[in-house]
Amino acid sequence: MTIESLIVWLIIGAIAGWLAGQIVRGGGLGLVGNIAVGIIGAVVGGWLLRQLGVAIGGGFIAAIINATIGAVILLVIIGLVRRT
């Protein structure tokens, strides 16, 4: 993995985590938390959409959409666990 691809992962993670925090109110976790949620959300979203047979496409915007879907799911699960 090159430094450029690592920076792209961090940028996508930050954007997706921030978007997910805006969608799921009270789900924002700060910059580092948003990056972590966005990167984990990219993995979750990629796996889930592949299982459902959904293909968003390729490119930077598709990666952000994919990661945001996964991050929203992850924040909802985190919110449910925090309540119990």
N, C-alpha and C. Protein backbone atom coordinates (compact mmCIF):
# COMPACT_ATOMS: atom_id res chain seq x y z
N MET A 1 0.86 -1.17 0.00
CA MET A 1 0.00 0.00 0.00
C MET A 1 0.91 1.24 0.00
N THR A 2 0.64 2.11 -0.92
CA THR A 2 1.44 3.33 -1.02
C THR A 2 0.88 4.40 -0.09
N ILE A 3 1.64 5.42 0.13
CA ILE A 3 1.21 6.52 0.99
C ILE A 3 0.02 7.26 0.38
N GLU A 4 -0.02 7.30 -0.96
CA GLU A 4 -1.14 7.97 -1.63
C GLU A 4 -2.44 7.23 -1.40
N SER A 5 -2.41 5.90 -1.49
CA SER A 5 -3.64 5.13 -1.28
C SER A 5 -4.07 5.20 0.18
N LEU A 6 -3.12 5.27 1.10
CA LEU A 6 -3.46 5.42 2.51
C LEU A 6 -4.14 6.77 2.75
N ILE A 7 -3.64 7.81 2.12
CA ILE A 7 -4.25 9.13 2.27
C ILE A 7 -5.66 9.14 1.68
N VAL A 8 -5.85 8.47 0.54
CA VAL A 8 -7.19 8.39 -0.06
C VAL A 8 -8.14 7.65 0.87
N TRP A 9 -7.70 6.54 1.48
CA TRP A 9 -8.53 5.80 2.44
C TRP A 9 -8.92 6.69 3.61
N LEU A 10 -7.96 7.48 4.11
CA LEU A 10 -8.26 8.37 5.24
C LEU A 10 -9.24 9.45 4.85
N ILE A 11 -9.10 10.00 3.66
CA ILE A 11 -10.02 11.05 3.20
C ILE A 11 -11.43 10.47 3.01
N ILE A 12 -11.51 9.32 2.36
CA ILE A 12 -12.83 8.68 2.17
C ILE A 12 -13.44 8.34 3.52
N GLY A 13 -12.64 7.82 4.43
CA GLY A 13 -13.14 7.49 5.77
C GLY A 13 -13.64 8.70 6.51
N ALA A 14 -12.90 9.82 6.42
CA ALA A 14 -13.32 11.04 7.12
C ALA A 14 -14.62 11.58 6.54
N ILE A 15 -14.72 11.61 5.23
CA ILE A 15 -15.94 12.13 4.58
C ILE A 15 -17.13 11.23 4.89
N ALA A 16 -16.95 9.93 4.74
CA ALA A 16 -18.05 8.99 4.98
C ALA A 16 -18.46 9.00 6.45
N GLY A 17 -17.49 9.06 7.35
CA GLY A 17 -17.82 9.11 8.78
C GLY A 17 -18.56 10.38 9.15
N TRP A 18 -18.13 11.51 8.57
CA TRP A 18 -18.82 12.77 8.84
C TRP A 18 -20.24 12.74 8.29
N LEU A 19 -20.40 12.24 7.05
CA LEU A 19 -21.74 12.14 6.46
C LEU A 19 -22.64 11.24 7.29
N ALA A 20 -22.10 10.11 7.73
CA ALA A 20 -22.89 9.19 8.54
C ALA A 20 -23.27 9.84 9.87
N GLY A 21 -22.36 10.62 10.45
CA GLY A 21 -22.68 11.33 11.68
C GLY A 21 -23.77 12.36 11.48
N GLN A 22 -23.85 12.96 10.28
CA GLN A 22 -24.91 13.91 9.98
C GLN A 22 -26.24 13.20 9.77
N ILE A 23 -26.20 12.03 9.17
CA ILE A 23 -27.42 11.26 8.91
C ILE A 23 -27.98 10.68 10.20
N VAL A 24 -27.11 10.08 11.00
CA VAL A 24 -27.51 9.49 12.28
C VAL A 24 -27.20 10.54 13.35
N ARG A 25 -28.18 11.27 13.76
CA ARG A 25 -27.97 12.35 14.72
C ARG A 25 -27.38 11.80 16.01
N GLY A 26 -26.39 12.52 16.53
CA GLY A 26 -25.73 12.09 17.75
C GLY A 26 -24.69 11.03 17.50
N GLY A 27 -24.42 10.73 16.23
CA GLY A 27 -23.49 9.65 15.91
C GLY A 27 -22.09 10.13 15.60
N GLY A 28 -21.85 11.44 15.61
CA GLY A 28 -20.52 11.95 15.33
C GLY A 28 -19.54 11.57 16.44
N LEU A 29 -18.34 11.16 16.06
CA LEU A 29 -17.38 10.70 17.04
C LEU A 29 -16.07 11.49 16.99
N GLY A 30 -16.07 12.67 16.42
CA GLY A 30 -14.84 13.43 16.27
C GLY A 30 -14.09 13.00 15.01
N LEU A 31 -13.01 13.68 14.70
CA LEU A 31 -12.29 13.42 13.45
C LEU A 31 -11.74 12.00 13.39
N VAL A 32 -11.02 11.57 14.41
CA VAL A 32 -10.43 10.23 14.40
C VAL A 32 -11.51 9.17 14.43
N GLY A 33 -12.55 9.38 15.23
CA GLY A 33 -13.67 8.44 15.27
C GLY A 33 -14.40 8.36 13.96
N ASN A 34 -14.59 9.51 13.29
CA ASN A 34 -15.25 9.52 11.99
C ASN A 34 -14.43 8.77 10.95
N ILE A 35 -13.11 8.96 10.98
CA ILE A 35 -12.25 8.24 10.04
C ILE A 35 -12.36 6.74 10.28
N ALA A 36 -12.30 6.33 11.55
CA ALA A 36 -12.40 4.90 11.88
C ALA A 36 -13.75 4.33 11.46
N VAL A 37 -14.83 5.05 11.78
CA VAL A 37 -16.17 4.60 11.40
C VAL A 37 -16.30 4.54 9.88
N GLY A 38 -15.73 5.52 9.19
CA GLY A 38 -15.80 5.54 7.73
C GLY A 38 -15.05 4.39 7.09
N ILE A 39 -13.86 4.07 7.60
CA ILE A 39 -13.08 2.97 7.04
C ILE A 39 -13.74 1.63 7.35
N ILE A 40 -14.18 1.45 8.59
CA ILE A 40 -14.89 0.20 8.93
C ILE A 40 -16.20 0.14 8.16
N GLY A 41 -16.86 1.28 8.01
CA GLY A 41 -18.10 1.33 7.23
C GLY A 41 -17.88 0.97 5.77
N ALA A 42 -16.71 1.33 5.22
CA ALA A 42 -16.42 0.95 3.84
C ALA A 42 -16.34 -0.56 3.70
N VAL A 43 -15.75 -1.21 4.68
CA VAL A 43 -15.66 -2.67 4.65
C VAL A 43 -17.05 -3.28 4.80
N VAL A 44 -17.82 -2.78 5.78
CA VAL A 44 -19.17 -3.30 6.01
C VAL A 44 -20.06 -3.05 4.80
N GLY A 45 -20.02 -1.82 4.28
CA GLY A 45 -20.85 -1.48 3.12
C GLY A 45 -20.47 -2.28 1.89
N GLY A 46 -19.17 -2.45 1.66
CA GLY A 46 -18.72 -3.24 0.51
C GLY A 46 -19.20 -4.68 0.60
N TRP A 47 -19.08 -5.26 1.78
CA TRP A 47 -19.51 -6.65 1.95
C TRP A 47 -21.03 -6.77 1.81
N LEU A 48 -21.77 -5.88 2.46
CA LEU A 48 -23.22 -5.95 2.45
C LEU A 48 -23.79 -5.73 1.06
N LEU A 49 -23.31 -4.71 0.37
CA LEU A 49 -23.83 -4.44 -0.98
C LEU A 49 -23.49 -5.56 -1.94
N ARG A 50 -22.32 -6.16 -1.78
CA ARG A 50 -21.95 -7.30 -2.63
C ARG A 50 -22.87 -8.48 -2.36
N GLN A 51 -23.23 -8.71 -1.09
CA GLN A 51 -24.14 -9.80 -0.75
C GLN A 51 -25.54 -9.57 -1.31
N LEU A 52 -25.94 -8.31 -1.38
CA LEU A 52 -27.26 -7.97 -1.92
C LEU A 52 -27.27 -7.87 -3.44
N GLY A 53 -26.10 -7.94 -4.06
CA GLY A 53 -26.01 -7.85 -5.51
C GLY A 53 -26.12 -6.43 -6.04
N VAL A 54 -25.83 -5.46 -5.21
CA VAL A 54 -25.92 -4.05 -5.59
C VAL A 54 -24.53 -3.57 -6.00
N ALA A 55 -24.45 -2.95 -7.17
CA ALA A 55 -23.18 -2.39 -7.64
C ALA A 55 -23.36 -0.89 -7.85
N ILE A 56 -22.66 -0.10 -7.06
CA ILE A 56 -22.77 1.35 -7.16
C ILE A 56 -21.93 1.87 -8.31
N GLY A 57 -20.83 1.23 -8.57
CA GLY A 57 -19.92 1.68 -9.62
C GLY A 57 -18.52 1.82 -9.07
N GLY A 58 -17.69 2.54 -9.78
CA GLY A 58 -16.33 2.74 -9.34
C GLY A 58 -16.02 4.21 -9.18
N GLY A 59 -14.89 4.50 -8.63
CA GLY A 59 -14.47 5.88 -8.48
C GLY A 59 -14.59 6.38 -7.06
N PHE A 60 -14.17 7.62 -6.90
CA PHE A 60 -14.11 8.25 -5.58
C PHE A 60 -15.49 8.46 -4.98
N ILE A 61 -16.43 8.96 -5.76
CA ILE A 61 -17.79 9.22 -5.26
C ILE A 61 -18.49 7.92 -4.87
N ALA A 62 -18.33 6.89 -5.69
CA ALA A 62 -18.92 5.59 -5.37
C ALA A 62 -18.34 5.03 -4.09
N ALA A 63 -17.04 5.22 -3.88
CA ALA A 63 -16.40 4.75 -2.65
C ALA A 63 -16.96 5.48 -1.44
N ILE A 64 -17.20 6.77 -1.57
CA ILE A 64 -17.77 7.55 -0.46
C ILE A 64 -19.20 7.09 -0.17
N ILE A 65 -19.99 6.87 -1.20
CA ILE A 65 -21.37 6.41 -1.01
C ILE A 65 -21.38 5.04 -0.34
N ASN A 66 -20.54 4.15 -0.83
CA ASN A 66 -20.42 2.80 -0.27
C ASN A 66 -20.02 2.87 1.20
N ALA A 67 -19.00 3.65 1.50
CA ALA A 67 -18.51 3.77 2.88
C ALA A 67 -19.55 4.44 3.77
N THR A 68 -20.29 5.41 3.24
CA THR A 68 -21.31 6.09 4.04
C THR A 68 -22.45 5.15 4.40
N ILE A 69 -22.85 4.31 3.47
CA ILE A 69 -23.91 3.33 3.76
C ILE A 69 -23.46 2.40 4.89
N GLY A 70 -22.25 1.90 4.78
CA GLY A 70 -21.73 1.03 5.83
C GLY A 70 -21.55 1.76 7.15
N ALA A 71 -21.10 3.01 7.11
CA ALA A 71 -20.89 3.78 8.34
C ALA A 71 -22.21 4.09 9.03
N VAL A 72 -23.26 4.37 8.26
CA VAL A 72 -24.58 4.60 8.86
C VAL A 72 -25.05 3.34 9.57
N ILE A 73 -24.90 2.20 8.92
CA ILE A 73 -25.28 0.93 9.55
C ILE A 73 -24.48 0.72 10.83
N LEU A 74 -23.19 0.99 10.76
CA LEU A 74 -22.32 0.82 11.93
C LEU A 74 -22.73 1.76 13.06
N LEU A 75 -23.04 3.03 12.76
CA LEU A 75 -23.46 3.96 13.81
C LEU A 75 -24.79 3.59 14.43
N VAL A 76 -25.71 3.05 13.62
CA VAL A 76 -27.00 2.60 14.18
C VAL A 76 -26.76 1.45 15.14
N ILE A 77 -25.89 0.51 14.76
CA ILE A 77 -25.58 -0.61 15.65
C ILE A 77 -24.91 -0.12 16.93
N ILE A 78 -23.95 0.81 16.79
CA ILE A 78 -23.29 1.37 17.98
C ILE A 78 -24.31 2.07 18.88
N GLY A 79 -25.24 2.81 18.29
CA GLY A 79 -26.29 3.47 19.07
C GLY A 79 -27.18 2.51 19.80
N LEU A 80 -27.50 1.38 19.17
CA LEU A 80 -28.31 0.37 19.84
C LEU A 80 -27.57 -0.28 20.99
N VAL A 81 -26.28 -0.52 20.80
CA VAL A 81 -25.49 -1.15 21.87
C VAL A 81 -25.31 -0.18 23.04
N ARG A 82 -25.12 1.09 22.76
CA ARG A 82 -24.93 2.08 23.84
C ARG A 82 -26.18 2.22 24.70
N ARG A 83 -27.35 2.04 24.13
CA ARG A 83 -28.59 2.22 24.87
C ARG A 83 -28.83 1.07 25.85
N THR A 84 -28.29 -0.07 25.55
CA THR A 84 -28.56 -1.23 26.44
C THR A 84 -27.58 -1.31 27.57
